[in-house]
Amino acid sequence: MGVTVAGYLMVRTDQGPVSGAAFAAAALPGTRAMAVLEQQREQMIVLATATHTMHVVGAPKLASRASATAGSTGGGGTAATGGGGGGGGIVSGPPPNPGTAQSIAYNMMSSFGFDPKTEFPCLDNIWSRESGWNYQAENASGAFGIPQALPGSKMASAGADWQTNPATQIKWGLGYIKSIYGTPCDAWSFWQAHGYY
């Protein structure tokens, strides 16, 4: 039965404290400990080199609201054409995870005439900021639920279970967005300009 003992030493030199890993490894030539220490040293060199060689080569270009509207069938309301702030672009992504409030909204959007592939990212931007998709979210002003209806009891028009059912809140919220803004992306443009919708 063999036993390998390794230690870690700190050696003081004229330049201050220095890691004694190399010193300790040199003291144990041909041992497993030396091989492990050498492997860790090489890994640290690779990581240090990698951190100094990473460069940002660019940022993704987002579609403008105008180009997304032009490619869709009609669209409602006035599309915001603002420049400057960024974040107003539309990025199509995969559907949300099944069983989530986001998935309920994604699947419900087409019944309101919204293309979920282009409109869901805008809806997600709004409701992530308003409530974090929490059906129990409530703020100091009394706004309630995923869409932050004010007062929350407005959502009773979508169902008696408005306080406990994310689907009822989402149904009300999508109807509200359609009646006031036309589309979730138009509501998102308004939200960006005003901090609420």
C-alpha atoms as a PDB file:
ATOM      1  CA  MET A   1       0.000   0.000   0.000  1.00  0.00           C
ATOM      2  CA  GLY A   2       1.491   3.321  -1.043  1.00  0.00           C
ATOM      3  CA  VAL A   3       0.735   6.700   0.432  1.00  0.00           C
ATOM      4  CA  THR A   4       1.236   9.948  -1.434  1.00  0.00           C
ATOM      5  CA  VAL A   5       1.724  13.074   0.614  1.00  0.00           C
ATOM      6  CA  ALA A   6       1.680  16.504  -0.960  1.00  0.00           C
ATOM      7  CA  GLY A   7       2.001  19.871   0.597  1.00  0.00           C
ATOM      8  CA  TYR A   8       1.604  23.472  -0.402  1.00  0.00           C
ATOM      9  CA  LEU A   9       4.315  25.864   0.631  1.00  0.00           C
ATOM     10  CA  MET A  10       4.532  29.620   0.657  1.00  0.00           C
ATOM     11  CA  VAL A  11       8.040  30.866   0.049  1.00  0.00           C
ATOM     12  CA  ARG A  12       9.085  34.404   0.811  1.00  0.00           C
ATOM     13  CA  THR A  13      11.410  35.995  -1.726  1.00  0.00           C
ATOM     14  CA  ASP A  14      12.686  39.487  -2.280  1.00  0.00           C
ATOM     15  CA  GLN A  15       9.568  40.227  -4.397  1.00  0.00           C
ATOM     16  CA  GLY A  16       7.140  39.261  -1.610  1.00  0.00           C
ATOM     17  CA  PRO A  17       5.166  36.072  -0.984  1.00  0.00           C
ATOM     18  CA  VAL A  18       5.238  33.609  -3.859  1.00  0.00           C
ATOM     19  CA  SER A  19       3.286  30.421  -4.349  1.00  0.00           C
ATOM     20  CA  GLY A  20       5.489  27.530  -3.442  1.00  0.00           C
ATOM     21  CA  ALA A  21       3.692  25.007  -5.651  1.00  0.00           C
ATOM     22  CA  ALA A  22       6.608  24.771  -8.057  1.00  0.00           C
ATOM     23  CA  PHE A  23       9.043  24.553  -5.142  1.00  0.00           C
ATOM     24  CA  ALA A  24       7.010  21.796  -3.499  1.00  0.00           C
ATOM     25  CA  ALA A  25       6.694  19.931  -6.790  1.00  0.00           C
ATOM     26  CA  ALA A  26      10.420  20.152  -7.378  1.00  0.00           C
ATOM     27  CA  ALA A  27      11.007  18.613  -3.972  1.00  0.00           C
ATOM     28  CA  LEU A  28       9.008  15.527  -4.984  1.00  0.00           C
ATOM     29  CA  PRO A  29      10.398  14.539  -8.398  1.00  0.00           C
ATOM     30  CA  GLY A  30       8.654  11.676 -10.145  1.00  0.00           C
ATOM     31  CA  THR A  31       5.715  11.549  -7.725  1.00  0.00           C
ATOM     32  CA  ARG A  32       2.009  11.709  -8.449  1.00  0.00           C
ATOM     33  CA  ALA A  33       1.836  14.931  -6.441  1.00  0.00           C
ATOM     34  CA  MET A  34       4.300  16.571  -8.796  1.00  0.00           C
ATOM     35  CA  ALA A  35       2.296  15.464 -11.825  1.00  0.00           C
ATOM     36  CA  VAL A  36      -0.919  16.857 -10.308  1.00  0.00           C
ATOM     37  CA  LEU A  37       0.714  20.167  -9.426  1.00  0.00           C
ATOM     38  CA  GLU A  38       2.221  20.471 -12.901  1.00  0.00           C
ATOM     39  CA  GLN A  39      -1.180  19.754 -14.466  1.00  0.00           C
ATOM     40  CA  GLN A  40      -2.812  22.452 -12.311  1.00  0.00           C
ATOM     41  CA  ARG A  41      -0.045  24.925 -13.214  1.00  0.00           C
ATOM     42  CA  GLU A  42      -0.588  24.294 -16.916  1.00  0.00           C
ATOM     43  CA  GLN A  43      -4.342  24.734 -16.495  1.00  0.00           C
ATOM     44  CA  MET A  44      -3.827  28.069 -14.722  1.00  0.00           C
ATOM     45  CA  ILE A  45      -1.566  29.239 -17.565  1.00  0.00           C
ATOM     46  CA  VAL A  46      -4.195  28.282 -20.154  1.00  0.00           C
ATOM     47  CA  LEU A  47      -6.955  30.087 -18.234  1.00  0.00           C
ATOM     48  CA  ALA A  48      -4.811  33.191 -17.737  1.00  0.00           C
ATOM     49  CA  THR A  49      -3.971  33.241 -21.445  1.00  0.00           C
ATOM     50  CA  ALA A  50      -7.625  32.779 -22.404  1.00  0.00           C
ATOM     51  CA  THR A  51      -8.767  35.711 -20.281  1.00  0.00           C
ATOM     52  CA  HIS A  52      -6.284  37.988 -22.006  1.00  0.00           C
ATOM     53  CA  THR A  53      -7.200  36.907 -25.534  1.00  0.00           C
ATOM     54  CA  MET A  54     -11.010  37.230 -25.467  1.00  0.00           C
ATOM     55  CA  HIS A  55     -12.372  40.059 -27.602  1.00  0.00           C
ATOM     56  CA  VAL A  56     -15.882  41.281 -28.340  1.00  0.00           C
ATOM     57  CA  VAL A  57     -16.219  41.314 -32.104  1.00  0.00           C
ATOM     58  CA  GLY A  58     -19.702  42.766 -32.386  1.00  0.00           C
ATOM     59  CA  ALA A  59     -23.255  42.787 -31.143  1.00  0.00           C
ATOM     60  CA  PRO A  60     -26.255  41.112 -32.763  1.00  0.00           C
ATOM     61  CA  LYS A  61     -28.285  43.337 -35.021  1.00  0.00           C
ATOM     62  CA  LEU A  62     -31.974  43.400 -34.153  1.00  0.00           C
ATOM     63  CA  ALA A  63     -34.755  43.815 -36.656  1.00  0.00           C
ATOM     64  CA  SER A  64     -36.510  47.144 -36.492  1.00  0.00           C
ATOM     65  CA  ARG A  65     -40.201  47.344 -35.673  1.00  0.00           C
ATOM     66  CA  ALA A  66     -40.896  48.714 -39.164  1.00  0.00           C
ATOM     67  CA  SER A  67     -39.221  45.779 -40.944  1.00  0.00           C
ATOM     68  CA  ALA A  68     -41.028  43.258 -38.747  1.00  0.00           C
ATOM     69  CA  THR A  69     -44.384  44.919 -39.437  1.00  0.00           C
ATOM     70  CA  ALA A  70     -43.695  45.003 -43.153  1.00  0.00           C
ATOM     71  CA  GLY A  71     -43.116  41.252 -43.148  1.00  0.00           C
ATOM     72  CA  SER A  72     -46.294  40.443 -41.203  1.00  0.00           C
ATOM     73  CA  THR A  73     -49.921  40.490 -42.226  1.00  0.00           C
ATOM     74  CA  GLY A  74     -51.141  43.927 -41.455  1.00  0.00           C
ATOM     75  CA  GLY A  75     -50.437  44.741 -37.821  1.00  0.00           C
ATOM     76  CA  GLY A  76     -52.319  47.169 -35.692  1.00  0.00           C
ATOM     77  CA  GLY A  77     -51.622  50.584 -34.354  1.00  0.00           C
ATOM     78  CA  THR A  78     -48.717  52.788 -35.121  1.00  0.00           C
ATOM     79  CA  ALA A  79     -45.313  51.247 -35.081  1.00  0.00           C
ATOM     80  CA  ALA A  80     -42.754  53.110 -33.055  1.00  0.00           C
ATOM     81  CA  THR A  81     -39.776  54.081 -35.119  1.00  0.00           C
ATOM     82  CA  GLY A  82     -37.559  55.472 -32.460  1.00  0.00           C
ATOM     83  CA  GLY A  83     -33.835  55.404 -32.728  1.00  0.00           C
ATOM     84  CA  GLY A  84     -31.376  55.621 -29.985  1.00  0.00           C
ATOM     85  CA  GLY A  85     -32.239  53.399 -27.078  1.00  0.00           C
ATOM     86  CA  GLY A  86     -32.058  50.035 -28.810  1.00  0.00           C
ATOM     87  CA  GLY A  87     -33.985  47.172 -27.305  1.00  0.00           C
ATOM     88  CA  GLY A  88     -36.987  48.002 -29.465  1.00  0.00           C
ATOM     89  CA  GLY A  89     -36.081  45.387 -32.021  1.00  0.00           C
ATOM     90  CA  ILE A  90     -37.899  42.117 -32.353  1.00  0.00           C
ATOM     91  CA  VAL A  91     -36.103  38.843 -32.003  1.00  0.00           C
ATOM     92  CA  SER A  92     -37.921  35.628 -32.720  1.00  0.00           C
ATOM     93  CA  GLY A  93     -37.031  32.816 -30.372  1.00  0.00           C
ATOM     94  CA  PRO A  94     -38.166  29.333 -29.471  1.00  0.00           C
ATOM     95  CA  PRO A  95     -41.461  28.861 -27.642  1.00  0.00           C
ATOM     96  CA  PRO A  96     -41.255  29.043 -23.838  1.00  0.00           C
ATOM     97  CA  ASN A  97     -41.050  25.952 -21.648  1.00  0.00           C
ATOM     98  CA  PRO A  98     -44.360  24.065 -21.430  1.00  0.00           C
ATOM     99  CA  GLY A  99     -46.302  24.431 -18.204  1.00  0.00           C
ATOM    100  CA  THR A 100     -45.170  28.006 -17.557  1.00  0.00           C
ATOM    101  CA  ALA A 101     -47.219  31.193 -17.618  1.00  0.00           C
ATOM    102  CA  GLN A 102     -45.074  32.252 -20.585  1.00  0.00           C
ATOM    103  CA  SER A 103     -46.160  29.119 -22.463  1.00  0.00           C
ATOM    104  CA  ILE A 104     -49.820  29.835 -21.709  1.00  0.00           C
ATOM    105  CA  ALA A 105     -49.414  33.352 -23.128  1.00  0.00           C
ATOM    106  CA  TYR A 106     -47.490  32.143 -26.173  1.00  0.00           C
ATOM    107  CA  ASN A 107     -50.189  29.613 -27.008  1.00  0.00           C
ATOM    108  CA  MET A 108     -53.014  32.113 -26.377  1.00  0.00           C
ATOM    109  CA  MET A 109     -51.585  34.931 -28.528  1.00  0.00           C
ATOM    110  CA  SER A 110     -52.849  33.707 -31.883  1.00  0.00           C
ATOM    111  CA  SER A 111     -56.439  33.727 -30.577  1.00  0.00           C
ATOM    112  CA  PHE A 112     -56.014  37.512 -30.210  1.00  0.00           C
ATOM    113  CA  GLY A 113     -54.592  37.831 -33.721  1.00  0.00           C
ATOM    114  CA  PHE A 114     -50.953  38.135 -32.605  1.00  0.00           C
ATOM    115  CA  ASP A 115     -48.126  36.182 -34.218  1.00  0.00           C
ATOM    116  CA  PRO A 116     -46.387  34.672 -31.188  1.00  0.00           C
ATOM    117  CA  LYS A 117     -43.085  34.299 -33.042  1.00  0.00           C
ATOM    118  CA  THR A 118     -42.722  38.063 -33.415  1.00  0.00           C
ATOM    119  CA  GLU A 119     -44.984  39.446 -30.680  1.00  0.00           C
ATOM    120  CA  PHE A 120     -44.120  37.177 -27.734  1.00  0.00           C
ATOM    121  CA  PRO A 121     -40.637  38.684 -27.177  1.00  0.00           C
ATOM    122  CA  CYS A 122     -42.284  42.098 -26.741  1.00  0.00           C
ATOM    123  CA  LEU A 123     -44.901  40.707 -24.354  1.00  0.00           C
ATOM    124  CA  ASP A 124     -42.174  38.912 -22.421  1.00  0.00           C
ATOM    125  CA  ASN A 125     -40.224  42.174 -22.116  1.00  0.00           C
ATOM    126  CA  ILE A 126     -43.232  43.946 -20.616  1.00  0.00           C
ATOM    127  CA  TRP A 127     -44.488  41.292 -18.229  1.00  0.00           C
ATOM    128  CA  SER A 128     -41.015  40.251 -17.094  1.00  0.00           C
ATOM    129  CA  ARG A 129     -40.516  43.831 -15.932  1.00  0.00           C
ATOM    130  CA  GLU A 130     -44.036  44.393 -14.612  1.00  0.00           C
ATOM    131  CA  SER A 131     -44.508  41.206 -12.584  1.00  0.00           C
ATOM    132  CA  GLY A 132     -41.800  38.683 -13.400  1.00  0.00           C
ATOM    133  CA  TRP A 133     -44.688  36.526 -14.714  1.00  0.00           C
ATOM    134  CA  ASN A 134     -45.860  36.053 -11.121  1.00  0.00           C
ATOM    135  CA  TYR A 135     -49.650  35.704 -10.976  1.00  0.00           C
ATOM    136  CA  GLN A 136     -49.575  36.876  -7.338  1.00  0.00           C
ATOM    137  CA  ALA A 137     -47.452  39.986  -8.001  1.00  0.00           C
ATOM    138  CA  GLU A 138     -48.818  43.106  -6.351  1.00  0.00           C
ATOM    139  CA  ASN A 139     -47.314  46.575  -6.124  1.00  0.00           C
ATOM    140  CA  ALA A 140     -47.896  49.425  -3.706  1.00  0.00           C
ATOM    141  CA  SER A 141     -50.386  51.149  -6.000  1.00  0.00           C
ATOM    142  CA  GLY A 142     -52.604  48.058  -6.018  1.00  0.00           C
ATOM    143  CA  ALA A 143     -51.731  46.730  -9.482  1.00  0.00           C
ATOM    144  CA  PHE A 144     -52.063  42.960  -9.459  1.00  0.00           C
ATOM    145  CA  GLY A 145     -51.084  39.841 -11.338  1.00  0.00           C
ATOM    146  CA  ILE A 146     -49.037  39.089 -14.411  1.00  0.00           C
ATOM    147  CA  PRO A 147     -50.322  42.069 -16.432  1.00  0.00           C
ATOM    148  CA  GLN A 148     -50.365  44.337 -13.330  1.00  0.00           C
ATOM    149  CA  ALA A 149     -53.996  45.359 -13.798  1.00  0.00           C
ATOM    150  CA  LEU A 150     -54.980  48.416 -11.764  1.00  0.00           C
ATOM    151  CA  PRO A 151     -57.124  47.649  -9.950  1.00  0.00           C
ATOM    152  CA  GLY A 152     -56.684  43.906 -10.140  1.00  0.00           C
ATOM    153  CA  SER A 153     -60.439  43.360  -9.979  1.00  0.00           C
ATOM    154  CA  LYS A 154     -60.652  44.563 -13.613  1.00  0.00           C
ATOM    155  CA  MET A 155     -59.528  41.062 -14.558  1.00  0.00           C
ATOM    156  CA  ALA A 156     -62.834  39.621 -13.278  1.00  0.00           C
ATOM    157  CA  SER A 157     -64.157  40.402 -16.766  1.00  0.00           C
ATOM    158  CA  ALA A 158     -61.968  37.532 -18.009  1.00  0.00           C
ATOM    159  CA  GLY A 159     -62.973  35.092 -15.277  1.00  0.00           C
ATOM    160  CA  ALA A 160     -64.007  34.786 -11.653  1.00  0.00           C
ATOM    161  CA  ASP A 161     -60.695  33.077 -10.833  1.00  0.00           C
ATOM    162  CA  TRP A 162     -58.631  36.141 -11.790  1.00  0.00           C
ATOM    163  CA  GLN A 163     -56.790  36.169  -8.432  1.00  0.00           C
ATOM    164  CA  THR A 164     -55.489  32.603  -8.726  1.00  0.00           C
ATOM    165  CA  ASN A 165     -55.412  31.627 -12.395  1.00  0.00           C
ATOM    166  CA  PRO A 166     -52.508  32.801 -14.587  1.00  0.00           C
ATOM    167  CA  ALA A 167     -54.474  31.915 -17.751  1.00  0.00           C
ATOM    168  CA  THR A 168     -57.323  34.245 -16.762  1.00  0.00           C
ATOM    169  CA  GLN A 169     -54.871  37.064 -16.068  1.00  0.00           C
ATOM    170  CA  ILE A 170     -53.088  36.480 -19.361  1.00  0.00           C
ATOM    171  CA  LYS A 171     -56.387  36.423 -21.266  1.00  0.00           C
ATOM    172  CA  TRP A 172     -57.344  39.762 -19.716  1.00  0.00           C
ATOM    173  CA  GLY A 173     -53.864  41.223 -20.321  1.00  0.00           C
ATOM    174  CA  LEU A 174     -53.800  40.262 -23.993  1.00  0.00           C
ATOM    175  CA  GLY A 175     -57.267  41.771 -24.461  1.00  0.00           C
ATOM    176  CA  TYR A 176     -56.135  44.960 -22.745  1.00  0.00           C
ATOM    177  CA  ILE A 177     -53.046  45.224 -24.947  1.00  0.00           C
ATOM    178  CA  LYS A 178     -55.070  44.616 -28.107  1.00  0.00           C
ATOM    179  CA  SER A 179     -57.699  47.229 -27.206  1.00  0.00           C
ATOM    180  CA  ILE A 180     -55.263  49.945 -26.060  1.00  0.00           C
ATOM    181  CA  TYR A 181     -52.092  49.435 -28.145  1.00  0.00           C
ATOM    182  CA  GLY A 182     -52.968  47.078 -30.992  1.00  0.00           C
ATOM    183  CA  THR A 183     -50.106  44.641 -30.465  1.00  0.00           C
ATOM    184  CA  PRO A 184     -47.676  43.627 -27.736  1.00  0.00           C
ATOM    185  CA  CYS A 185     -44.809  45.228 -29.673  1.00  0.00           C
ATOM    186  CA  ASP A 186     -46.683  48.528 -29.839  1.00  0.00           C
ATOM    187  CA  ALA A 187     -47.292  48.226 -26.083  1.00  0.00           C
ATOM    188  CA  TRP A 188     -43.586  47.489 -25.581  1.00  0.00           C
ATOM    189  CA  SER A 189     -42.649  50.609 -27.554  1.00  0.00           C
ATOM    190  CA  PHE A 190     -44.937  52.637 -25.298  1.00  0.00           C
ATOM    191  CA  TRP A 191     -43.469  50.965 -22.215  1.00  0.00           C
ATOM    192  CA  GLN A 192     -39.934  51.843 -23.320  1.00  0.00           C
ATOM    193  CA  ALA A 193     -40.876  55.478 -23.722  1.00  0.00           C
ATOM    194  CA  HIS A 194     -42.875  55.807 -20.499  1.00  0.00           C
ATOM    195  CA  GLY A 195     -41.851  52.999 -18.114  1.00  0.00           C
ATOM    196  CA  TYR A 196     -45.377  51.614 -17.949  1.00  0.00           C
ATOM    197  CA  TYR A 197     -48.106  50.484 -20.321  1.00  0.00           C
END
